[in-house]
């Protein structure tokens, strides 16, 4: 199997972007996903966007290790978003060799969200980047059908839908829903596992999403059926935050375990 397998930032969020590249290389990954824009105000802010010392260090680590950047996150589209404000981050993503941008929809006005995402895609296209809308049940792209509807309305070749097994489960979307998404809109996907039981509150779901998932194959999701429903060569971004484990196991070992678990799932699928 030659599909790209990438180490997502959330799996080793305690690391700086340059450290993450070194971690990915040491753990056996050839690709990495970088969080250049924090998802929450409490996350560390790394000074990578623009001509900064950390960006230059990051470029050197990529060159030294041969690790490639798969995606850059996280671009939130809100009611007051000015798409032009994201251009420096897009330019940095392109300079680092990324192909994909991860987008979150945080605008309850769906028509306006479609318009903003369209403008975002237009700007991203100038940098040869694709914009992938990740549905999450606490955002305004709550589930797979809604994300697919939004991306279809945008109608841009570089607009995609990002599937994460966690969000597929917790949004109560169905694997069967994937058939309604054109394969060209599935540009990469995230990969993890979780118990089948959905937490009772959105607060609990959000906490689980950010801190406690399971390595692929160690939960109760039907990952084999999910992989059969998406393009066979789709890149996988392994996103498995494990806060409890991180208290005793370092980032590189956790990244190794995540990669080994992913490869086991893929091997079983091919058997």
C-alpha atoms as a PDB file:
ATOM      1  CA  UNK A   1       0.000   0.000   0.000  1.00  0.00           C
ATOM      2  CA  UNK A   2       1.597   3.256  -1.113  1.00  0.00           C
ATOM      3  CA  UNK A   3      -1.028   5.670   0.166  1.00  0.00           C
ATOM      4  CA  UNK A   4       0.417   8.584   2.156  1.00  0.00           C
ATOM      5  CA  UNK A   5       0.082   8.274   5.933  1.00  0.00           C
ATOM      6  CA  UNK A   6       0.571  11.539   7.768  1.00  0.00           C
ATOM      7  CA  UNK A   7       1.121  12.435  11.415  1.00  0.00           C
ATOM      8  CA  UNK A   8      -1.567  14.957  12.382  1.00  0.00           C
ATOM      9  CA  UNK A   9      -0.672  17.817  14.702  1.00  0.00           C
ATOM     10  CA  UNK A  10      -3.271  16.912  17.336  1.00  0.00           C
ATOM     11  CA  UNK A  11      -1.620  13.535  17.934  1.00  0.00           C
ATOM     12  CA  UNK A  12       1.515  15.251  19.258  1.00  0.00           C
ATOM     13  CA  UNK A  13       0.249  18.734  20.024  1.00  0.00           C
ATOM     14  CA  UNK A  14       2.808  19.307  22.770  1.00  0.00           C
ATOM     15  CA  UNK A  15       5.496  19.618  20.077  1.00  0.00           C
ATOM     16  CA  UNK A  16       6.438  22.679  18.053  1.00  0.00           C
ATOM     17  CA  UNK A  17       6.030  22.307  14.277  1.00  0.00           C
ATOM     18  CA  UNK A  18       9.789  21.661  13.746  1.00  0.00           C
ATOM     19  CA  UNK A  19       9.755  19.103  16.552  1.00  0.00           C
ATOM     20  CA  UNK A  20       6.725  17.470  14.988  1.00  0.00           C
ATOM     21  CA  UNK A  21       8.584  16.994  11.713  1.00  0.00           C
ATOM     22  CA  UNK A  22      11.472  15.317  13.530  1.00  0.00           C
ATOM     23  CA  UNK A  23       8.996  13.180  15.468  1.00  0.00           C
ATOM     24  CA  UNK A  24       7.236  12.115  12.280  1.00  0.00           C
ATOM     25  CA  UNK A  25      10.531  11.113  10.698  1.00  0.00           C
ATOM     26  CA  UNK A  26      11.673   9.177  13.772  1.00  0.00           C
ATOM     27  CA  UNK A  27       8.336   7.356  13.983  1.00  0.00           C
ATOM     28  CA  UNK A  28       8.387   6.301  10.329  1.00  0.00           C
ATOM     29  CA  UNK A  29       6.015   8.757   8.664  1.00  0.00           C
ATOM     30  CA  UNK A  30       6.745  10.404   5.344  1.00  0.00           C
ATOM     31  CA  UNK A  31       4.099  13.102   5.749  1.00  0.00           C
ATOM     32  CA  UNK A  32       3.013  15.495   8.443  1.00  0.00           C
ATOM     33  CA  UNK A  33       0.078  17.809   9.112  1.00  0.00           C
ATOM     34  CA  UNK A  34       0.883  21.159  10.710  1.00  0.00           C
ATOM     35  CA  UNK A  35      -1.336  23.341  12.894  1.00  0.00           C
ATOM     36  CA  UNK A  36      -0.129  26.842  12.034  1.00  0.00           C
ATOM     37  CA  UNK A  37      -3.317  28.477  13.352  1.00  0.00           C
ATOM     38  CA  UNK A  38      -4.432  27.305  16.830  1.00  0.00           C
ATOM     39  CA  UNK A  39      -7.828  25.659  17.112  1.00  0.00           C
ATOM     40  CA  UNK A  40      -8.491  27.222  20.513  1.00  0.00           C
ATOM     41  CA  UNK A  41      -7.243  30.288  22.411  1.00  0.00           C
ATOM     42  CA  UNK A  42      -5.581  28.053  25.004  1.00  0.00           C
ATOM     43  CA  UNK A  43      -3.320  26.272  22.521  1.00  0.00           C
ATOM     44  CA  UNK A  44       0.287  27.378  22.031  1.00  0.00           C
ATOM     45  CA  UNK A  45       0.823  29.902  19.237  1.00  0.00           C
ATOM     46  CA  UNK A  46       3.857  29.080  17.119  1.00  0.00           C
ATOM     47  CA  UNK A  47       5.374  31.891  15.088  1.00  0.00           C
ATOM     48  CA  UNK A  48       5.588  30.140  11.721  1.00  0.00           C
ATOM     49  CA  UNK A  49       3.497  32.277   9.380  1.00  0.00           C
ATOM     50  CA  UNK A  50       5.628  34.651   7.346  1.00  0.00           C
ATOM     51  CA  UNK A  51       9.395  35.034   7.278  1.00  0.00           C
ATOM     52  CA  UNK A  52      10.192  33.907  10.822  1.00  0.00           C
ATOM     53  CA  UNK A  53      13.037  31.964  12.453  1.00  0.00           C
ATOM     54  CA  UNK A  54      10.707  29.065  13.249  1.00  0.00           C
ATOM     55  CA  UNK A  55       9.498  28.860   9.665  1.00  0.00           C
ATOM     56  CA  UNK A  56      13.091  28.713   8.457  1.00  0.00           C
ATOM     57  CA  UNK A  57      13.864  26.033  11.060  1.00  0.00           C
ATOM     58  CA  UNK A  58      10.791  24.127   9.929  1.00  0.00           C
ATOM     59  CA  UNK A  59      11.905  24.271   6.293  1.00  0.00           C
ATOM     60  CA  UNK A  60      15.332  22.965   7.293  1.00  0.00           C
ATOM     61  CA  UNK A  61      13.822  20.056   9.239  1.00  0.00           C
ATOM     62  CA  UNK A  62      11.649  19.145   6.263  1.00  0.00           C
ATOM     63  CA  UNK A  63      14.672  19.240   3.965  1.00  0.00           C
ATOM     64  CA  UNK A  64      16.848  17.235   6.363  1.00  0.00           C
ATOM     65  CA  UNK A  65      14.267  14.503   7.006  1.00  0.00           C
ATOM     66  CA  UNK A  66      12.521  14.280   3.641  1.00  0.00           C
ATOM     67  CA  UNK A  67       9.158  14.517   5.407  1.00  0.00           C
ATOM     68  CA  UNK A  68       6.516  16.276   3.307  1.00  0.00           C
ATOM     69  CA  UNK A  69       3.662  18.456   4.505  1.00  0.00           C
ATOM     70  CA  UNK A  70       0.253  17.017   3.655  1.00  0.00           C
ATOM     71  CA  UNK A  71      -2.019  19.639   5.196  1.00  0.00           C
ATOM     72  CA  UNK A  72      -2.118  22.831   7.224  1.00  0.00           C
ATOM     73  CA  UNK A  73      -4.821  23.785   9.733  1.00  0.00           C
ATOM     74  CA  UNK A  74      -7.042  25.260  11.024  1.00  0.00           C
ATOM     75  CA  UNK A  75      -8.843  27.932   9.008  1.00  0.00           C
ATOM     76  CA  UNK A  76     -12.113  28.937  10.676  1.00  0.00           C
ATOM     77  CA  UNK A  77     -14.766  30.606   8.546  1.00  0.00           C
ATOM     78  CA  UNK A  78     -16.882  32.836  10.804  1.00  0.00           C
ATOM     79  CA  UNK A  79     -19.545  35.475  10.104  1.00  0.00           C
ATOM     80  CA  UNK A  80     -16.902  38.218  10.231  1.00  0.00           C
ATOM     81  CA  UNK A  81     -14.097  36.360   8.450  1.00  0.00           C
ATOM     82  CA  UNK A  82     -12.082  38.372   5.935  1.00  0.00           C
ATOM     83  CA  UNK A  83     -10.645  35.747   3.622  1.00  0.00           C
ATOM     84  CA  UNK A  84      -7.734  38.004   2.686  1.00  0.00           C
ATOM     85  CA  UNK A  85      -6.540  37.828   6.290  1.00  0.00           C
ATOM     86  CA  UNK A  86      -5.691  34.174   5.708  1.00  0.00           C
ATOM     87  CA  UNK A  87      -3.412  34.831   2.741  1.00  0.00           C
ATOM     88  CA  UNK A  88      -0.163  34.942   4.764  1.00  0.00           C
ATOM     89  CA  UNK A  89      -0.951  31.521   6.250  1.00  0.00           C
ATOM     90  CA  UNK A  90      -1.829  30.177   2.805  1.00  0.00           C
ATOM     91  CA  UNK A  91       1.427  31.530   1.392  1.00  0.00           C
ATOM     92  CA  UNK A  92       3.340  29.862   4.219  1.00  0.00           C
ATOM     93  CA  UNK A  93       1.507  26.578   3.667  1.00  0.00           C
ATOM     94  CA  UNK A  94       2.385  26.673  -0.019  1.00  0.00           C
ATOM     95  CA  UNK A  95       6.019  27.517   0.729  1.00  0.00           C
ATOM     96  CA  UNK A  96       6.194  24.510   3.050  1.00  0.00           C
ATOM     97  CA  UNK A  97       4.892  22.270   0.256  1.00  0.00           C
ATOM     98  CA  UNK A  98       1.402  21.594   1.593  1.00  0.00           C
ATOM     99  CA  UNK A  99      -1.335  20.495  -0.774  1.00  0.00           C
ATOM    100  CA  UNK A 100      -4.346  20.690   1.536  1.00  0.00           C
ATOM    101  CA  UNK A 101      -5.892  23.204   3.931  1.00  0.00           C
ATOM    102  CA  UNK A 102      -8.285  22.171   6.704  1.00  0.00           C
ATOM    103  CA  UNK A 103     -11.316  24.435   7.060  1.00  0.00           C
ATOM    104  CA  UNK A 104     -13.913  24.639   9.835  1.00  0.00           C
ATOM    105  CA  UNK A 105     -17.337  26.156   9.231  1.00  0.00           C
ATOM    106  CA  UNK A 106     -18.330  28.434  12.116  1.00  0.00           C
ATOM    107  CA  UNK A 107     -21.090  30.490  10.527  1.00  0.00           C
ATOM    108  CA  UNK A 108     -24.742  29.569  11.193  1.00  0.00           C
ATOM    109  CA  UNK A 109     -25.810  31.343   7.989  1.00  0.00           C
ATOM    110  CA  UNK A 110     -25.229  28.559   5.490  1.00  0.00           C
ATOM    111  CA  UNK A 111     -25.616  30.776   2.424  1.00  0.00           C
ATOM    112  CA  UNK A 112     -22.953  33.134   3.770  1.00  0.00           C
ATOM    113  CA  UNK A 113     -20.723  30.187   4.681  1.00  0.00           C
ATOM    114  CA  UNK A 114     -20.977  28.951   1.089  1.00  0.00           C
ATOM    115  CA  UNK A 115     -20.008  32.396  -0.162  1.00  0.00           C
ATOM    116  CA  UNK A 116     -17.059  32.690   2.220  1.00  0.00           C
ATOM    117  CA  UNK A 117     -15.809  29.201   1.430  1.00  0.00           C
ATOM    118  CA  UNK A 118     -16.039  30.006  -2.269  1.00  0.00           C
ATOM    119  CA  UNK A 119     -13.893  33.107  -1.785  1.00  0.00           C
ATOM    120  CA  UNK A 120     -11.492  31.093   0.357  1.00  0.00           C
ATOM    121  CA  UNK A 121     -11.176  28.468  -2.383  1.00  0.00           C
ATOM    122  CA  UNK A 122     -10.537  31.151  -4.985  1.00  0.00           C
ATOM    123  CA  UNK A 123      -7.655  32.563  -2.951  1.00  0.00           C
ATOM    124  CA  UNK A 124      -6.317  29.093  -2.099  1.00  0.00           C
ATOM    125  CA  UNK A 125      -6.281  28.167  -5.792  1.00  0.00           C
ATOM    126  CA  UNK A 126      -3.733  30.913  -6.424  1.00  0.00           C
ATOM    127  CA  UNK A 127      -1.387  28.921  -4.201  1.00  0.00           C
ATOM    128  CA  UNK A 128      -2.391  25.555  -5.692  1.00  0.00           C
ATOM    129  CA  UNK A 129      -4.028  24.551  -2.430  1.00  0.00           C
ATOM    130  CA  UNK A 130      -7.298  22.737  -1.812  1.00  0.00           C
ATOM    131  CA  UNK A 131      -9.738  23.723   0.941  1.00  0.00           C
ATOM    132  CA  UNK A 132     -11.289  20.821   2.833  1.00  0.00           C
ATOM    133  CA  UNK A 133     -14.349  21.455   4.973  1.00  0.00           C
ATOM    134  CA  UNK A 134     -14.265  19.247   8.043  1.00  0.00           C
ATOM    135  CA  UNK A 135     -17.680  18.532   9.497  1.00  0.00           C
ATOM    136  CA  UNK A 136     -17.790  18.483  13.303  1.00  0.00           C
ATOM    137  CA  UNK A 137     -21.013  18.196  15.310  1.00  0.00           C
ATOM    138  CA  UNK A 138     -20.326  21.345  17.369  1.00  0.00           C
ATOM    139  CA  UNK A 139     -19.701  23.538  14.300  1.00  0.00           C
ATOM    140  CA  UNK A 140     -22.031  24.882  11.615  1.00  0.00           C
ATOM    141  CA  UNK A 141     -21.029  22.083   9.267  1.00  0.00           C
ATOM    142  CA  UNK A 142     -22.443  19.533  11.683  1.00  0.00           C
ATOM    143  CA  UNK A 143     -22.479  16.320   9.699  1.00  0.00           C
ATOM    144  CA  UNK A 144     -21.468  14.747   6.411  1.00  0.00           C
ATOM    145  CA  UNK A 145     -24.664  15.538   4.477  1.00  0.00           C
ATOM    146  CA  UNK A 146     -24.444  19.224   5.415  1.00  0.00           C
ATOM    147  CA  UNK A 147     -20.734  19.467   4.576  1.00  0.00           C
ATOM    148  CA  UNK A 148     -21.359  17.756   1.248  1.00  0.00           C
ATOM    149  CA  UNK A 149     -24.203  20.169   0.510  1.00  0.00           C
ATOM    150  CA  UNK A 150     -22.031  23.195   1.296  1.00  0.00           C
ATOM    151  CA  UNK A 151     -19.116  22.004  -0.826  1.00  0.00           C
ATOM    152  CA  UNK A 152     -21.440  21.150  -3.709  1.00  0.00           C
ATOM    153  CA  UNK A 153     -22.898  24.655  -3.542  1.00  0.00           C
ATOM    154  CA  UNK A 154     -19.415  26.167  -3.611  1.00  0.00           C
ATOM    155  CA  UNK A 155     -18.751  24.364  -6.880  1.00  0.00           C
ATOM    156  CA  UNK A 156     -14.961  24.802  -6.892  1.00  0.00           C
ATOM    157  CA  UNK A 157     -12.573  22.114  -8.087  1.00  0.00           C
ATOM    158  CA  UNK A 158     -10.320  22.700  -5.084  1.00  0.00           C
ATOM    159  CA  UNK A 159     -13.144  22.390  -2.542  1.00  0.00           C
ATOM    160  CA  UNK A 160     -13.269  19.147  -0.617  1.00  0.00           C
ATOM    161  CA  UNK A 161     -15.053  17.362   2.227  1.00  0.00           C
ATOM    162  CA  UNK A 162     -12.854  16.093   5.034  1.00  0.00           C
ATOM    163  CA  UNK A 163     -13.993  12.904   6.754  1.00  0.00           C
ATOM    164  CA  UNK A 164     -12.777  12.007  10.239  1.00  0.00           C
ATOM    165  CA  UNK A 165     -14.040   8.686  11.661  1.00  0.00           C
ATOM    166  CA  UNK A 166     -14.563  10.411  15.008  1.00  0.00           C
ATOM    167  CA  UNK A 167     -16.861  13.065  13.564  1.00  0.00           C
ATOM    168  CA  UNK A 168     -18.584  10.581  11.282  1.00  0.00           C
ATOM    169  CA  UNK A 169     -19.569   8.635  14.400  1.00  0.00           C
ATOM    170  CA  UNK A 170     -20.320  11.500  16.757  1.00  0.00           C
ATOM    171  CA  UNK A 171     -22.371  13.445  14.198  1.00  0.00           C
ATOM    172  CA  UNK A 172     -24.405  10.273  13.583  1.00  0.00           C
ATOM    173  CA  UNK A 173     -23.531  10.406   9.911  1.00  0.00           C
ATOM    174  CA  UNK A 174     -23.453   7.130   8.014  1.00  0.00           C
ATOM    175  CA  UNK A 175     -20.835   5.442   5.899  1.00  0.00           C
ATOM    176  CA  UNK A 176     -23.558   5.163   3.269  1.00  0.00           C
ATOM    177  CA  UNK A 177     -23.647   8.981   3.089  1.00  0.00           C
ATOM    178  CA  UNK A 178     -20.174   8.953   1.527  1.00  0.00           C
ATOM    179  CA  UNK A 179     -21.643   7.645  -1.734  1.00  0.00           C
ATOM    180  CA  UNK A 180     -23.213  11.086  -2.223  1.00  0.00           C
ATOM    181  CA  UNK A 181     -19.833  12.823  -2.267  1.00  0.00           C
ATOM    182  CA  UNK A 182     -17.960  12.873  -5.607  1.00  0.00           C
ATOM    183  CA  UNK A 183     -14.600  11.090  -5.194  1.00  0.00           C
ATOM    184  CA  UNK A 184     -12.837  14.209  -6.482  1.00  0.00           C
ATOM    185  CA  UNK A 185     -14.013  16.024  -3.343  1.00  0.00           C
ATOM    186  CA  UNK A 186     -12.396  13.465  -1.040  1.00  0.00           C
ATOM    187  CA  UNK A 187      -8.812  14.712  -1.169  1.00  0.00           C
ATOM    188  CA  UNK A 188      -7.569  13.284   2.142  1.00  0.00           C
ATOM    189  CA  UNK A 189      -9.126  12.027   5.356  1.00  0.00           C
ATOM    190  CA  UNK A 190      -8.281  11.797   9.029  1.00  0.00           C
ATOM    191  CA  UNK A 191      -7.957   8.473  10.797  1.00  0.00           C
ATOM    192  CA  UNK A 192      -8.591   7.295  14.356  1.00  0.00           C
ATOM    193  CA  UNK A 193     -10.899   5.061  16.356  1.00  0.00           C
ATOM    194  CA  UNK A 194     -13.284   5.477  19.293  1.00  0.00           C
ATOM    195  CA  UNK A 195     -15.758   3.418  21.311  1.00  0.00           C
ATOM    196  CA  UNK A 196     -19.130   2.944  19.657  1.00  0.00           C
ATOM    197  CA  UNK A 197     -21.016   4.629  22.507  1.00  0.00           C
ATOM    198  CA  UNK A 198     -21.515   8.337  21.892  1.00  0.00           C
ATOM    199  CA  UNK A 199     -20.995  10.588  24.952  1.00  0.00           C
ATOM    200  CA  UNK A 200     -24.253  12.085  26.262  1.00  0.00           C
ATOM    201  CA  UNK A 201     -23.392  15.791  25.856  1.00  0.00           C
ATOM    202  CA  UNK A 202     -21.719  17.949  23.250  1.00  0.00           C
ATOM    203  CA  UNK A 203     -19.264  19.114  25.896  1.00  0.00           C
ATOM    204  CA  UNK A 204     -18.226  15.512  26.501  1.00  0.00           C
ATOM    205  CA  UNK A 205     -17.957  14.841  22.777  1.00  0.00           C
ATOM    206  CA  UNK A 206     -15.740  17.885  22.343  1.00  0.00           C
ATOM    207  CA  UNK A 207     -13.497  16.814  25.225  1.00  0.00           C
ATOM    208  CA  UNK A 208     -13.218  13.309  23.787  1.00  0.00           C
ATOM    209  CA  UNK A 209     -12.359  14.722  20.351  1.00  0.00           C
ATOM    210  CA  UNK A 210      -9.514  16.849  21.642  1.00  0.00           C
ATOM    211  CA  UNK A 211      -8.044  14.605  24.319  1.00  0.00           C
ATOM    212  CA  UNK A 212      -9.017  10.921  24.217  1.00  0.00           C
ATOM    213  CA  UNK A 213      -9.361   8.898  21.052  1.00  0.00           C
ATOM    214  CA  UNK A 214      -8.100   5.403  20.311  1.00  0.00           C
ATOM    215  CA  UNK A 215      -5.540   4.126  17.867  1.00  0.00           C
ATOM    216  CA  UNK A 216      -7.058   2.681  14.679  1.00  0.00           C
ATOM    217  CA  UNK A 217      -8.370  -0.823  15.251  1.00  0.00           C
ATOM    218  CA  UNK A 218      -8.440  -0.410  19.036  1.00  0.00           C
ATOM    219  CA  UNK A 219     -11.937   1.080  19.155  1.00  0.00           C
ATOM    220  CA  UNK A 220     -15.277  -0.091  17.844  1.00  0.00           C
ATOM    221  CA  UNK A 221     -15.749   1.778  14.554  1.00  0.00           C
ATOM    222  CA  UNK A 222     -16.006  -0.130  11.274  1.00  0.00           C
ATOM    223  CA  UNK A 223     -12.872   1.359   9.772  1.00  0.00           C
ATOM    224  CA  UNK A 224     -12.668  -1.305   7.086  1.00  0.00           C
ATOM    225  CA  UNK A 225     -16.098  -0.372   5.745  1.00  0.00           C
ATOM    226  CA  UNK A 226     -15.155   3.295   5.912  1.00  0.00           C
ATOM    227  CA  UNK A 227     -11.972   2.732   3.914  1.00  0.00           C
ATOM    228  CA  UNK A 228     -13.876   0.726   1.326  1.00  0.00           C
ATOM    229  CA  UNK A 229     -16.254   3.678   0.865  1.00  0.00           C
ATOM    230  CA  UNK A 230     -13.552   6.243   0.032  1.00  0.00           C
ATOM    231  CA  UNK A 231     -11.011   6.357  -2.812  1.00  0.00           C
ATOM    232  CA  UNK A 232      -8.532   3.510  -2.434  1.00  0.00           C
ATOM    233  CA  UNK A 233      -5.437   5.705  -2.474  1.00  0.00           C
ATOM    234  CA  UNK A 234      -6.746   8.517  -0.253  1.00  0.00           C
ATOM    235  CA  UNK A 235      -4.130   9.937   2.108  1.00  0.00           C
ATOM    236  CA  UNK A 236      -4.686   9.290   5.799  1.00  0.00           C
ATOM    237  CA  UNK A 237      -3.878  11.879   8.451  1.00  0.00           C
ATOM    238  CA  UNK A 238      -3.582   9.938  11.720  1.00  0.00           C
ATOM    239  CA  UNK A 239      -5.203  12.128  14.365  1.00  0.00           C
ATOM    240  CA  UNK A 240      -5.227  10.377  17.748  1.00  0.00           C
ATOM    241  CA  UNK A 241      -4.940  12.626  20.794  1.00  0.00           C
ATOM    242  CA  UNK A 242      -4.354  10.482  23.902  1.00  0.00           C
ATOM    243  CA  UNK A 243      -3.953  12.795  26.868  1.00  0.00           C
ATOM    244  CA  UNK A 244      -3.826  10.066  29.518  1.00  0.00           C
ATOM    245  CA  UNK A 245      -1.209   8.064  27.623  1.00  0.00           C
ATOM    246  CA  UNK A 246       0.828  11.203  26.965  1.00  0.00           C
ATOM    247  CA  UNK A 247       1.451  11.556  30.694  1.00  0.00           C
ATOM    248  CA  UNK A 248       3.724   8.501  30.614  1.00  0.00           C
ATOM    249  CA  UNK A 249       4.560   7.897  26.935  1.00  0.00           C
ATOM    250  CA  UNK A 250       6.513  10.344  24.796  1.00  0.00           C
ATOM    251  CA  UNK A 251       5.368  11.823  21.508  1.00  0.00           C
ATOM    252  CA  UNK A 252       7.564   9.685  19.242  1.00  0.00           C
ATOM    253  CA  UNK A 253       6.443   6.411  20.805  1.00  0.00           C
ATOM    254  CA  UNK A 254       2.793   7.449  20.610  1.00  0.00           C
ATOM    255  CA  UNK A 255       3.281   8.402  16.963  1.00  0.00           C
ATOM    256  CA  UNK A 256       4.872   5.014  16.299  1.00  0.00           C
ATOM    257  CA  UNK A 257       1.951   3.197  17.917  1.00  0.00           C
ATOM    258  CA  UNK A 258      -0.533   5.225  15.877  1.00  0.00           C
ATOM    259  CA  UNK A 259       1.296   4.397  12.648  1.00  0.00           C
ATOM    260  CA  UNK A 260       1.611   0.703  13.479  1.00  0.00           C
ATOM    261  CA  UNK A 261      -2.095   0.507  14.301  1.00  0.00           C
ATOM    262  CA  UNK A 262      -3.002   2.241  11.044  1.00  0.00           C
ATOM    263  CA  UNK A 263      -0.847  -0.145   9.043  1.00  0.00           C
ATOM    264  CA  UNK A 264      -2.500  -3.112  10.752  1.00  0.00           C
ATOM    265  CA  UNK A 265      -5.943  -1.862   9.707  1.00  0.00           C
ATOM    266  CA  UNK A 266      -4.747  -1.349   6.138  1.00  0.00           C
ATOM    267  CA  UNK A 267      -3.096  -4.771   6.017  1.00  0.00           C
ATOM    268  CA  UNK A 268      -6.282  -6.449   7.177  1.00  0.00           C
ATOM    269  CA  UNK A 269      -8.206  -4.587   4.509  1.00  0.00           C
ATOM    270  CA  UNK A 270      -5.855  -5.893   1.818  1.00  0.00           C
ATOM    271  CA  UNK A 271      -5.818  -9.481   3.112  1.00  0.00           C
END
